Amino acid sequence: MKRRVAISILGTTLDMGKWDNRWSRWRPNVGLCQQTGLFIDRLELIHDNHASALANRITADIATVSPATEVRSNVINFRDPWDFSEVYTNLRDFSRGYQFDPDTEEYLVNITTGTHVAQICWFLLTEARIIPGQLLQLSPPRDREPDQDFAGTHRIIDLDLSRYDEIAKRFASEREDAASFLKSGISTRNAAFNRMIDEIEKVVIRSKAPVLLTGPTGAGKSQLARRIYELKKSQRKVSGPFIEVNCATLRGDQAMSTLFGHVKGAFTGAAGERSGLLRSADKGVLFLDEIGELGIDEQAMCLRAIEEKRFLPVGADREVSADFQLLAGTNRELGEDVRRGKFREDLYARLNLWTFQLPALRERKEDIEPNLDFELKRHLEREGENITFNREARERYLSFATGPHGIWSANFRDLSASITRMATLAPHGRITTDVVDDEVRRLNTFWRASSDGHAADTLIEEFLGSEAAACLDRFDATQLSEVIRTCREQPTASAAGRALFANSRLEKKSSNDADRLVKYLARFNLKFDDVRKRG
């Protein structure tokens, strides 16, 4: 049997009594040691030094009614027993310093005595398992018979909510509702995505730390960010607005002004003061989409604003403050940008505490069908027209959409546009196989045209960087991408040269194909070995 230990604050009013008539009134800490079926092996009695005389009297009276109960005196002085911060700090320090031994002892925390503030603190400390015990509530006796004592009754409050089916079901339902809310009510089927949403729900409710949403364009980062804000607001975690900005649109001097604001006369054209988006997001959520496009100076300012909640508007000599939660989105590999010196390592470290990678649509094709229904529902809300598929048309579209030919290069933007087109063209509100066949041809044509150009752009950016790649003419970009592909496929510069100049070399008596290739790559500050190594 484990020893039973009670922790209790001395009731300077309820436990009072100097004379013999004190035995004819209910005193909680004395009654605690008289409870039928609840023997207390040890009582940890907490009081301040001004109540030492009363504590001694209560200890002596407990020895009378329960001689085997050990009473330990614990002096804690509260300057203001109604000051939550002071009371909680003192009781927390007592709890952390106490040598709990749950293997051999069980603990009861008496919430009957002490101020309401102390009772709340006991609950918080026990619920957080800082005190590994249960709460105890004592009540005075009712309809006492003449020969009965004044022990009263007791009730143990178990904070293990998992033991209470109805409460546990309600909590589980609320968690499911929150996760469903983040998914816009879509019954997604991808297990990995659903696990990620469950984790996001826990993080955004319990933490104010920055959250980084990564993933390809069109994967749903902006929509998820707004749903996160709406969830936090419904839970009263934020009270301010949702402010969204696409960092790719911020260029030059206007970037600083847009984000951090400016004072009147800060620069030419600054006719008035501007608060800036960070101040506008005070008490709310700021979503910096495509944060990888921010300049280095703006990144430094953002880092300080995140960490210190303070920043300096353009042209100002006095800092301003804004307390917001940051959500950031990017389709870039920020870790790679850090290695290239294009993104600050300290800002990336701050953002990388909570990073969630949203998968591309082609990686969760089992979610296409529920999203199809969601898009039709949105069309109804937007246009006031209920559009449906006939059975064969729905099966044909889903077979294409979830099959190997469903590329979905723009992810959910492609899917949303596709459903909108079919809904608009549907005869008499019914999507037929003809409408589906036309849409499949349209998607295939679009993806075929965009995939070639996109692949070339991606390859050029890998070697030259996005800024240099953007400066190339389409002719040069197409030619260079083909040269790079060939270099990757061939073992030597000579072999690559022969493949590239196979026809023109036949017209020459002597041809150094490797030299021609090396000179061509040098125009772009590239070397064959570097291209080959990264292939």
Protein backbone atom coordinates (compact mmCIF):
# COMPACT_ATOMS: atom_id res chain seq x y z
CA MET A 1 0.00 0.00 0.00
CA LYS A 2 1.22 3.46 -0.88
CA ARG A 3 1.36 6.10 1.83
CA ARG A 4 -1.23 8.85 1.34
CA VAL A 5 0.04 12.44 1.50
CA ALA A 6 -2.17 15.52 1.56
CA ILE A 7 -0.99 19.02 0.64
CA SER A 8 -3.11 21.80 2.09
CA ILE A 9 -3.06 25.52 2.84
CA LEU A 10 -4.00 26.53 6.39
CA GLY A 11 -7.42 28.22 6.43
CA THR A 12 -6.89 31.31 8.54
CA THR A 13 -10.68 31.77 8.77
CA LEU A 14 -12.17 28.28 8.42
CA ASP A 15 -9.54 26.62 10.63
CA MET A 16 -9.77 29.23 13.40
CA GLY A 17 -10.68 28.35 16.97
CA LYS A 18 -8.98 28.82 20.34
CA TRP A 19 -11.47 27.50 22.87
CA ASP A 20 -13.13 24.18 23.53
CA ASN A 21 -16.12 25.13 21.39
CA ARG A 22 -13.84 24.82 18.35
CA TRP A 23 -14.75 21.13 18.36
CA SER A 24 -18.36 22.04 17.64
CA ARG A 25 -17.55 23.68 14.29
CA TRP A 26 -16.19 22.38 10.98
CA ARG A 27 -12.50 22.98 10.47
CA PRO A 28 -11.33 21.68 7.05
CA ASN A 29 -7.77 20.67 7.90
CA VAL A 30 -8.84 18.86 11.05
CA GLY A 31 -11.76 17.25 9.21
CA LEU A 32 -9.34 16.18 6.46
CA CYS A 33 -7.69 13.82 8.91
CA GLN A 34 -11.05 12.44 10.15
CA GLN A 35 -12.41 11.26 6.79
CA THR A 36 -13.85 7.74 6.80
CA GLY A 37 -11.93 5.51 4.41
CA LEU A 38 -9.33 8.19 3.68
CA PHE A 39 -6.50 7.85 6.16
CA ILE A 40 -3.85 10.55 5.75
CA ASP A 41 -0.33 9.35 6.53
CA ARG A 42 1.21 12.79 6.18
CA LEU A 43 -0.17 16.31 5.91
CA GLU A 44 1.98 19.02 4.33
CA LEU A 45 0.46 22.13 5.95
CA ILE A 46 1.30 25.43 4.24
CA HIS A 47 1.02 28.73 6.09
CA ASP A 48 2.81 32.06 6.48
CA ASN A 49 4.87 32.96 9.53
CA HIS A 50 2.07 35.17 10.94
CA ALA A 51 -0.15 32.09 11.32
CA SER A 52 2.37 29.91 13.16
CA ALA A 53 0.28 29.84 16.37
CA LEU A 54 -2.82 28.66 14.50
CA ALA A 55 -0.73 26.07 12.61
CA ASN A 56 0.58 24.69 15.90
CA ARG A 57 -2.96 24.48 17.33
CA ILE A 58 -4.26 22.66 14.24
CA THR A 59 -1.29 20.29 14.39
CA ALA A 60 -2.07 19.48 18.04
CA ASP A 61 -5.77 18.94 17.30
CA ILE A 62 -4.93 16.60 14.40
CA ALA A 63 -2.73 14.63 16.80
CA THR A 64 -5.82 14.23 18.98
CA VAL A 65 -8.15 12.90 16.25
CA SER A 66 -5.55 11.07 14.15
CA PRO A 67 -2.38 10.34 16.16
CA ALA A 68 -0.77 8.36 13.32
CA THR A 69 -0.90 11.32 10.92
CA GLU A 70 2.38 13.20 10.58
CA VAL A 71 1.98 16.94 10.10
CA ARG A 72 4.78 18.93 8.45
CA SER A 73 4.82 22.70 8.63
CA ASN A 74 5.77 24.57 5.41
CA VAL A 75 6.14 28.35 5.69
CA ILE A 76 5.35 30.34 2.53
CA ASN A 77 4.83 34.07 2.91
CA PHE A 78 2.45 35.71 0.42
CA ARG A 79 2.61 39.48 0.31
CA ASP A 80 -0.69 39.51 -1.58
CA PRO A 81 -2.61 36.19 -1.56
CA TRP A 82 -4.83 37.54 -4.37
CA ASP A 83 -1.95 38.28 -6.74
CA PHE A 84 -2.03 35.46 -9.26
CA SER A 85 1.58 35.81 -10.39
CA GLU A 86 2.95 35.81 -6.85
CA VAL A 87 0.81 32.93 -5.60
CA TYR A 88 1.44 30.75 -8.64
CA THR A 89 5.20 31.39 -8.52
CA ASN A 90 5.43 30.51 -4.82
CA LEU A 91 3.30 27.35 -5.11
CA ARG A 92 5.15 26.29 -8.26
CA ASP A 93 8.51 26.73 -6.50
CA PHE A 94 7.22 24.71 -3.55
CA SER A 95 6.01 21.94 -5.89
CA ARG A 96 9.20 21.80 -7.91
CA GLY A 97 11.31 21.66 -4.77
CA TYR A 98 9.23 18.95 -3.15
CA GLN A 99 10.64 15.41 -3.26
CA PHE A 100 7.70 13.59 -4.81
CA ASP A 101 7.92 9.80 -4.83
CA PRO A 102 4.91 8.48 -6.80
CA ASP A 103 6.18 4.91 -6.58
CA THR A 104 5.65 4.76 -2.83
CA GLU A 105 3.26 7.67 -2.15
CA GLU A 106 0.00 9.01 -3.55
CA TYR A 107 -0.79 12.71 -3.32
CA LEU A 108 -3.97 14.68 -2.69
CA VAL A 109 -4.08 18.47 -3.08
CA ASN A 110 -6.73 20.09 -0.90
CA ILE A 111 -8.46 22.94 -2.80
CA THR A 112 -10.92 23.70 0.01
CA THR A 113 -8.80 26.27 1.85
CA GLY A 114 -6.82 29.24 0.61
CA THR A 115 -8.00 32.04 -1.68
CA HIS A 116 -9.72 31.34 -5.00
CA VAL A 117 -6.44 32.33 -6.65
CA ALA A 118 -4.59 29.62 -4.71
CA GLN A 119 -7.25 27.06 -5.66
CA ILE A 120 -6.81 27.90 -9.35
CA CYS A 121 -3.04 27.60 -8.99
CA TRP A 122 -3.39 24.18 -7.36
CA PHE A 123 -5.52 23.08 -10.32
CA LEU A 124 -2.98 24.33 -12.87
CA LEU A 125 -0.04 22.70 -11.10
CA THR A 126 -1.84 19.38 -10.78
CA GLU A 127 -3.24 19.39 -14.31
CA ALA A 128 0.26 20.09 -15.67
CA ARG A 129 1.58 17.15 -13.61
CA ILE A 130 4.03 19.39 -11.77
CA ILE A 131 2.26 17.85 -8.77
CA PRO A 132 1.69 14.16 -9.59
CA GLY A 133 -1.55 13.85 -7.67
CA GLN A 134 -5.29 14.44 -7.53
CA LEU A 135 -7.43 17.27 -6.23
CA LEU A 136 -9.42 16.91 -3.00
CA GLN A 137 -12.58 18.88 -2.15
CA LEU A 138 -13.91 18.86 1.42
CA SER A 139 -17.46 19.82 2.44
CA PRO A 140 -18.98 20.57 5.87
CA PRO A 141 -21.38 18.04 7.42
CA ARG A 142 -25.09 18.21 6.68
CA ASP A 143 -27.85 17.11 9.05
CA ARG A 144 -25.29 16.03 11.66
CA GLU A 145 -26.52 13.69 14.37
CA PRO A 146 -25.72 14.71 17.98
CA ASP A 147 -23.09 12.03 18.44
CA GLN A 148 -21.36 12.61 15.11
CA ASP A 149 -18.15 14.59 14.67
CA PHE A 150 -17.59 17.54 12.38
CA ALA A 151 -15.42 15.73 9.81
CA GLY A 152 -17.74 16.48 6.89
CA THR A 153 -17.37 14.72 3.53
CA HIS A 154 -14.83 14.64 0.76
CA ARG A 155 -14.62 14.15 -3.00
CA ILE A 156 -11.54 13.31 -5.05
CA ILE A 157 -11.36 15.03 -8.43
CA ASP A 158 -9.54 12.96 -11.04
CA LEU A 159 -8.03 15.10 -13.82
CA ASP A 160 -7.39 12.11 -16.07
CA LEU A 161 -10.06 13.07 -18.60
CA SER A 162 -9.46 9.91 -20.60
CA ARG A 163 -11.42 8.04 -17.91
CA TYR A 164 -14.55 10.01 -18.70
CA ASP A 165 -15.91 8.75 -21.98
CA GLU A 166 -18.28 11.61 -22.76
CA ILE A 167 -15.69 14.31 -22.04
CA ALA A 168 -13.04 12.40 -23.97
CA LYS A 169 -15.41 12.04 -26.92
CA ARG A 170 -16.17 15.75 -26.84
CA PHE A 171 -12.48 16.68 -26.77
CA ALA A 172 -11.77 14.24 -29.62
CA SER A 173 -14.67 15.72 -31.59
CA GLU A 174 -13.34 19.25 -31.08
CA ARG A 175 -9.89 18.17 -32.32
CA GLU A 176 -11.47 16.54 -35.35
CA ASP A 177 -13.51 19.69 -36.01
CA ALA A 178 -10.36 21.83 -35.87
CA ALA A 179 -8.48 19.54 -38.27
CA SER A 180 -11.47 19.48 -40.62
CA PHE A 181 -11.61 23.27 -40.45
CA LEU A 182 -7.98 23.51 -41.56
CA LYS A 183 -8.84 21.26 -44.52
CA SER A 184 -11.81 23.50 -45.45
CA GLY A 185 -14.12 20.63 -44.55
CA ILE A 186 -12.69 18.41 -47.29
CA SER A 187 -12.56 14.73 -46.32
CA THR A 188 -9.01 14.18 -47.48
CA ARG A 189 -7.83 10.58 -47.76
CA ASN A 190 -4.05 10.91 -47.95
CA ALA A 191 -2.74 9.57 -44.63
CA ALA A 192 0.49 11.60 -44.62
CA PHE A 193 -1.38 14.84 -45.37
CA ASN A 194 -3.94 14.15 -42.64
CA ARG A 195 -1.16 13.51 -40.09
CA MET A 196 0.47 16.79 -41.08
CA ILE A 197 -2.82 18.69 -40.62
CA ASP A 198 -3.28 17.11 -37.17
CA GLU A 199 0.20 18.29 -36.19
CA ILE A 200 -0.39 21.79 -37.57
CA GLU A 201 -3.59 22.02 -35.54
CA LYS A 202 -1.70 21.24 -32.32
CA VAL A 203 1.12 23.64 -33.11
CA VAL A 204 -0.96 26.69 -34.03
CA ILE A 205 -3.22 26.29 -30.99
CA ARG A 206 -0.41 25.75 -28.48
CA SER A 207 2.37 27.92 -29.89
CA LYS A 208 2.94 31.48 -31.09
CA ALA A 209 6.20 30.57 -32.82
CA PRO A 210 6.61 31.23 -36.58
CA VAL A 211 5.32 28.55 -38.93
CA LEU A 212 6.89 27.92 -42.36
CA LEU A 213 4.70 26.37 -45.07
CA THR A 214 6.68 25.00 -48.00
CA GLY A 215 5.62 23.28 -51.18
CA PRO A 216 5.11 23.89 -54.88
CA THR A 217 3.05 26.72 -56.30
CA GLY A 218 -0.65 25.97 -56.08
CA ALA A 219 -0.32 23.40 -53.28
CA GLY A 220 -2.61 25.47 -51.03
CA LYS A 221 -0.22 27.43 -48.79
CA SER A 222 -2.21 30.68 -48.91
CA GLN A 223 -5.52 28.97 -48.23
CA LEU A 224 -4.07 26.98 -45.34
CA ALA A 225 -2.51 30.13 -43.85
CA ARG A 226 -5.89 31.87 -43.82
CA ARG A 227 -7.55 28.83 -42.25
CA ILE A 228 -4.86 28.77 -39.56
CA TYR A 229 -5.67 32.38 -38.76
CA GLU A 230 -9.41 31.72 -38.64
CA LEU A 231 -8.85 28.75 -36.33
CA LYS A 232 -6.65 30.78 -33.98
CA LYS A 233 -9.20 33.59 -33.94
CA SER A 234 -12.05 31.19 -33.16
CA GLN A 235 -9.95 29.88 -30.25
CA ARG A 236 -9.29 33.49 -29.12
CA LYS A 237 -5.56 33.07 -29.63
CA VAL A 238 -5.43 36.24 -31.75
CA SER A 239 -7.68 39.28 -31.93
CA GLY A 240 -6.10 41.28 -34.75
CA PRO A 241 -6.44 40.95 -38.55
CA PHE A 242 -4.96 38.57 -41.11
CA ILE A 243 -2.43 40.42 -43.26
CA GLU A 244 -1.10 38.69 -46.37
CA VAL A 245 1.63 39.90 -48.71
CA ASN A 246 3.37 38.20 -51.62
CA CYS A 247 7.02 39.07 -51.12
CA ALA A 248 7.71 38.51 -54.84
CA THR A 249 5.82 41.76 -55.48
CA LEU A 250 8.06 43.81 -53.17
CA ARG A 251 10.82 45.53 -55.07
CA GLY A 252 13.36 48.25 -54.34
CA ASP A 253 12.78 51.03 -51.81
CA GLN A 254 9.06 50.33 -51.68
CA ALA A 255 9.69 46.94 -50.04
CA MET A 256 10.87 48.46 -46.75
CA SER A 257 8.07 51.01 -46.75
CA THR A 258 5.40 48.39 -47.48
CA LEU A 259 6.54 46.10 -44.69
CA PHE A 260 7.78 48.47 -42.01
CA GLY A 261 6.09 51.75 -42.90
CA HIS A 262 7.65 55.20 -43.23
CA VAL A 263 7.37 58.66 -41.78
CA LYS A 264 6.39 61.74 -43.70
CA GLY A 265 9.26 62.99 -45.86
CA ALA A 266 11.29 59.79 -45.52
CA PHE A 267 11.92 59.81 -49.27
CA THR A 268 10.75 61.59 -52.39
CA GLY A 269 7.02 61.12 -52.70
CA ALA A 270 6.46 60.27 -49.02
CA ALA A 271 3.79 62.93 -48.53
CA GLY A 272 2.36 61.29 -45.45
CA GLU A 273 3.01 58.64 -42.84
CA ARG A 274 2.49 54.93 -43.63
CA SER A 275 2.02 52.37 -40.87
CA GLY A 276 3.26 49.35 -42.86
CA LEU A 277 1.98 45.78 -42.92
CA LEU A 278 3.77 44.62 -39.77
CA ARG A 279 2.03 47.23 -37.65
CA SER A 280 -1.27 46.48 -39.38
CA ALA A 281 -0.90 42.84 -38.26
CA ASP A 282 -0.59 43.77 -34.57
CA LYS A 283 -2.40 41.20 -32.36
CA GLY A 284 -3.12 39.15 -35.49
CA VAL A 285 -1.33 37.02 -38.08
CA LEU A 286 1.11 38.15 -40.78
CA PHE A 287 1.51 35.81 -43.74
CA LEU A 288 4.63 36.47 -45.82
CA ASP A 289 4.10 34.37 -48.92
CA GLU A 290 7.17 33.63 -51.07
CA ILE A 291 9.40 34.83 -48.24
CA GLY A 292 12.43 33.55 -50.16
CA GLU A 293 12.02 36.50 -52.53
CA LEU A 294 12.71 39.08 -49.79
CA GLY A 295 15.92 41.06 -50.05
CA ILE A 296 18.69 40.56 -47.50
CA ASP A 297 18.04 43.93 -45.80
CA GLU A 298 14.33 43.18 -45.44
CA GLN A 299 15.19 39.74 -44.06
CA ALA A 300 17.32 41.32 -41.32
CA MET A 301 14.53 43.71 -40.35
CA CYS A 302 11.99 40.88 -40.30
CA LEU A 303 14.19 38.79 -38.02
CA ARG A 304 14.39 41.58 -35.46
CA ALA A 305 10.66 42.23 -35.70
CA ILE A 306 9.96 38.53 -35.04
CA GLU A 307 12.34 38.24 -32.10
CA GLU A 308 11.90 41.62 -30.40
CA LYS A 309 8.49 42.70 -31.70
CA ARG A 310 10.09 46.05 -32.54
CA PHE A 311 11.36 47.67 -35.74
CA LEU A 312 12.24 51.04 -37.23
CA PRO A 313 10.02 52.54 -39.97
CA VAL A 314 11.83 54.08 -42.94
CA GLY A 315 13.11 57.55 -42.03
CA ALA A 316 12.06 57.26 -38.38
CA ASP A 317 14.31 57.80 -35.37
CA ARG A 318 12.00 56.02 -32.95
CA GLU A 319 11.08 52.34 -32.97
CA VAL A 320 7.52 51.07 -33.07
CA SER A 321 6.16 47.74 -31.83
CA ALA A 322 3.84 45.10 -33.20
CA ASP A 323 2.99 41.73 -31.68
CA PHE A 324 1.91 39.28 -34.36
CA GLN A 325 2.32 35.62 -35.24
CA LEU A 326 4.27 35.03 -38.41
CA LEU A 327 3.30 32.51 -41.04
CA ALA A 328 5.64 32.23 -44.02
CA GLY A 329 5.29 30.42 -47.31
CA THR A 330 7.78 29.48 -50.00
CA ASN A 331 8.21 27.18 -52.97
CA ARG A 332 11.98 27.53 -52.78
CA GLU A 333 14.55 25.40 -51.01
CA LEU A 334 15.52 27.94 -48.36
CA GLY A 335 18.29 25.69 -47.05
CA GLU A 336 19.92 25.80 -50.48
CA ASP A 337 19.40 29.57 -50.64
CA VAL A 338 21.21 29.87 -47.29
CA ARG A 339 24.18 27.96 -48.71
CA ARG A 340 24.22 30.28 -51.74
CA GLY A 341 24.10 33.37 -49.53
CA LYS A 342 20.67 34.42 -50.80
CA PHE A 343 18.83 33.89 -47.52
CA ARG A 344 19.92 34.72 -43.99
CA GLU A 345 20.88 31.69 -41.95
CA ASP A 346 19.62 33.20 -38.68
CA LEU A 347 16.20 33.99 -40.17
CA TYR A 348 15.96 30.50 -41.66
CA ALA A 349 16.81 28.99 -38.26
CA ARG A 350 14.03 31.07 -36.68
CA LEU A 351 11.50 29.99 -39.31
CA ASN A 352 12.58 26.37 -39.33
CA LEU A 353 11.23 25.58 -35.85
CA TRP A 354 7.92 24.50 -37.39
CA THR A 355 8.17 23.63 -41.09
CA PHE A 356 5.42 21.82 -42.93
CA GLN A 357 5.87 20.58 -46.49
CA LEU A 358 2.61 20.63 -48.43
CA PRO A 359 2.70 17.85 -51.02
CA ALA A 360 1.98 18.38 -54.70
CA LEU A 361 -1.42 17.23 -55.94
CA ARG A 362 0.17 14.43 -57.97
CA GLU A 363 1.54 13.04 -54.67
CA ARG A 364 -1.95 12.75 -53.14
CA LYS A 365 -4.16 11.77 -56.06
CA GLU A 366 -6.57 9.97 -53.73
CA ASP A 367 -7.63 13.48 -52.61
CA ILE A 368 -8.65 14.57 -56.13
CA GLU A 369 -12.17 13.15 -55.82
CA PRO A 370 -13.11 14.91 -52.54
CA ASN A 371 -11.58 18.12 -53.89
CA LEU A 372 -13.63 17.73 -57.06
CA ASP A 373 -16.79 17.70 -54.95
CA PHE A 374 -15.49 20.68 -52.96
CA GLU A 375 -14.92 22.69 -56.15
CA LEU A 376 -18.44 21.92 -57.41
CA LYS A 377 -19.80 23.10 -54.06
CA ARG A 378 -17.77 26.31 -54.35
CA HIS A 379 -19.15 26.84 -57.86
CA LEU A 380 -22.67 26.54 -56.46
CA GLU A 381 -21.93 29.13 -53.77
CA ARG A 382 -20.23 31.45 -56.24
CA GLU A 383 -22.54 31.17 -59.26
CA GLY A 384 -25.75 29.89 -57.69
CA GLU A 385 -25.87 26.94 -60.08
CA ASN A 386 -25.76 23.30 -58.99
CA ILE A 387 -23.54 21.36 -61.43
CA THR A 388 -23.25 17.56 -61.41
CA PHE A 389 -21.52 14.85 -63.45
CA ASN A 390 -23.26 12.01 -65.13
CA ARG A 391 -21.85 8.72 -63.93
CA GLU A 392 -19.75 7.85 -66.99
CA ALA A 393 -18.33 11.37 -67.23
CA ARG A 394 -17.29 11.39 -63.57
CA GLU A 395 -15.58 8.01 -63.87
CA ARG A 396 -13.78 9.09 -67.06
CA TYR A 397 -12.53 12.35 -65.54
CA LEU A 398 -11.34 10.71 -62.32
CA SER A 399 -9.60 7.94 -64.28
CA PHE A 400 -7.63 10.59 -66.18
CA ALA A 401 -7.07 12.85 -63.15
CA THR A 402 -5.70 10.10 -60.92
CA GLY A 403 -3.83 8.24 -63.68
CA PRO A 404 -0.28 8.68 -64.99
CA HIS A 405 -1.31 11.39 -67.46
CA GLY A 406 -2.63 13.66 -64.70
CA ILE A 407 0.41 15.95 -64.30
CA TRP A 408 -1.28 18.77 -62.36
CA SER A 409 1.76 21.01 -62.74
CA ALA A 410 -0.02 23.94 -61.06
CA ASN A 411 -1.54 21.62 -58.45
CA PHE A 412 -4.88 22.74 -57.02
CA ARG A 413 -4.97 25.80 -59.25
CA ASP A 414 -5.07 23.45 -62.23
CA LEU A 415 -7.81 21.35 -60.64
CA SER A 416 -9.91 24.34 -59.63
CA ALA A 417 -9.62 25.88 -63.11
CA SER A 418 -10.47 22.56 -64.73
CA ILE A 419 -13.65 22.06 -62.67
CA THR A 420 -14.67 25.68 -63.27
CA ARG A 421 -14.32 25.27 -67.05
CA MET A 422 -16.36 22.07 -67.13
CA ALA A 423 -19.04 23.54 -64.85
CA THR A 424 -19.31 26.60 -67.08
CA LEU A 425 -19.59 24.54 -70.28
CA ALA A 426 -21.88 21.84 -68.85
CA PRO A 427 -25.14 21.63 -70.84
CA HIS A 428 -28.20 21.97 -68.59
CA GLY A 429 -26.04 21.78 -65.45
CA ARG A 430 -24.79 18.28 -66.27
CA ILE A 431 -21.13 17.52 -67.09
CA THR A 432 -21.11 14.96 -69.90
CA THR A 433 -18.42 12.73 -71.40
CA ASP A 434 -18.04 15.22 -74.28
CA VAL A 435 -17.26 18.02 -71.84
CA VAL A 436 -14.77 15.77 -70.03
CA ASP A 437 -13.06 14.72 -73.28
CA ASP A 438 -12.66 18.34 -74.34
CA GLU A 439 -11.21 19.25 -70.94
CA VAL A 440 -8.76 16.34 -71.01
CA ARG A 441 -7.49 17.48 -74.43
CA ARG A 442 -7.20 21.03 -73.13
CA LEU A 443 -5.19 19.95 -70.06
CA ASN A 444 -2.87 17.71 -72.08
CA THR A 445 -2.14 20.53 -74.54
CA PHE A 446 -1.50 22.98 -71.73
CA TRP A 447 0.77 20.64 -69.77
CA ARG A 448 2.73 19.64 -72.88
CA ALA A 449 3.41 23.26 -73.76
CA SER A 450 4.32 24.35 -70.26
CA SER A 451 6.41 21.33 -69.26
CA ASP A 452 9.07 21.89 -71.93
CA GLY A 453 9.52 25.57 -71.11
CA HIS A 454 9.33 24.98 -67.35
CA ALA A 455 11.95 22.23 -67.45
CA ALA A 456 14.30 24.47 -69.40
CA ASP A 457 13.79 27.39 -67.02
CA THR A 458 14.41 25.17 -63.99
CA LEU A 459 17.63 23.80 -65.49
CA ILE A 460 18.99 27.27 -66.32
CA GLU A 461 18.12 28.61 -62.84
CA GLU A 462 19.98 25.70 -61.25
CA PHE A 463 23.27 26.79 -62.83
CA LEU A 464 22.93 30.54 -63.33
CA GLY A 465 20.52 31.50 -60.58
CA SER A 466 17.05 33.01 -61.04
CA GLU A 467 18.24 36.59 -61.68
CA ALA A 468 20.75 35.68 -64.40
CA ALA A 469 18.32 33.20 -65.95
CA ALA A 470 15.64 35.87 -66.17
CA CYS A 471 18.00 38.10 -68.20
CA LEU A 472 18.51 35.52 -70.95
CA ASP A 473 16.62 35.71 -74.22
CA ARG A 474 14.32 32.77 -74.85
CA PHE A 475 16.59 31.72 -77.75
CA ASP A 476 19.71 31.60 -75.56
CA ALA A 477 17.88 29.86 -72.69
CA THR A 478 16.56 27.11 -74.95
CA GLN A 479 19.96 26.57 -76.55
CA LEU A 480 21.85 26.58 -73.25
CA SER A 481 19.44 24.13 -71.59
CA GLU A 482 19.98 21.66 -74.46
CA VAL A 483 23.75 22.02 -74.14
CA ILE A 484 23.59 21.36 -70.40
CA ARG A 485 21.43 18.26 -70.91
CA THR A 486 23.90 16.89 -73.43
CA CYS A 487 26.87 17.56 -71.15
CA ARG A 488 25.13 15.63 -68.38
CA GLU A 489 24.57 12.65 -70.66
CA GLN A 490 28.14 12.38 -72.02
CA PRO A 491 31.25 11.22 -70.09
CA THR A 492 33.70 13.77 -71.56
CA ALA A 493 33.72 17.20 -73.19
CA SER A 494 34.85 15.62 -76.46
CA ALA A 495 31.93 13.20 -76.47
CA ALA A 496 29.50 15.99 -75.68
CA GLY A 497 31.01 18.12 -78.45
CA ARG A 498 30.67 15.32 -80.97
CA ALA A 499 26.99 14.89 -80.03
CA LEU A 500 26.28 18.60 -80.26
CA PHE A 501 28.21 19.33 -83.49
CA ALA A 502 27.63 15.99 -85.26
CA ASN A 503 26.58 17.52 -88.57
CA SER A 504 28.73 20.64 -88.82
CA ARG A 505 31.94 18.73 -87.95
CA LEU A 506 31.49 16.57 -91.10
CA GLU A 507 32.09 19.62 -93.29
CA LYS A 508 35.47 20.35 -91.67
CA LYS A 509 38.76 18.54 -92.14
CA SER A 510 39.77 19.15 -88.55
CA SER A 511 37.44 19.92 -85.70
CA ASN A 512 38.05 20.33 -81.99
CA ASP A 513 34.53 19.80 -80.72
CA ALA A 514 35.57 19.92 -77.06
CA ASP A 515 37.14 23.35 -77.58
CA ARG A 516 33.99 24.68 -79.24
CA LEU A 517 31.90 23.40 -76.31
CA VAL A 518 34.24 24.82 -73.67
CA LYS A 519 34.16 28.26 -75.33
CA TYR A 520 30.38 28.18 -75.55
CA LEU A 521 30.00 27.32 -71.84
CA ALA A 522 32.52 30.01 -70.92
CA ARG A 523 30.10 32.65 -72.27
CA PHE A 524 27.94 31.80 -69.26
CA ASN A 525 30.83 31.33 -66.78
CA LEU A 526 30.26 27.56 -66.83
CA LYS A 527 32.74 24.68 -67.04
CA PHE A 528 32.06 21.21 -68.41
CA ASP A 529 33.28 19.44 -65.26
CA ASP A 530 30.95 21.52 -63.08
CA VAL A 531 27.95 20.79 -65.29
CA ARG A 532 28.81 17.08 -65.47
CA LYS A 533 29.36 16.83 -61.70
CA ARG A 534 25.93 18.26 -60.88
CA GLY A 535 24.16 16.08 -63.43
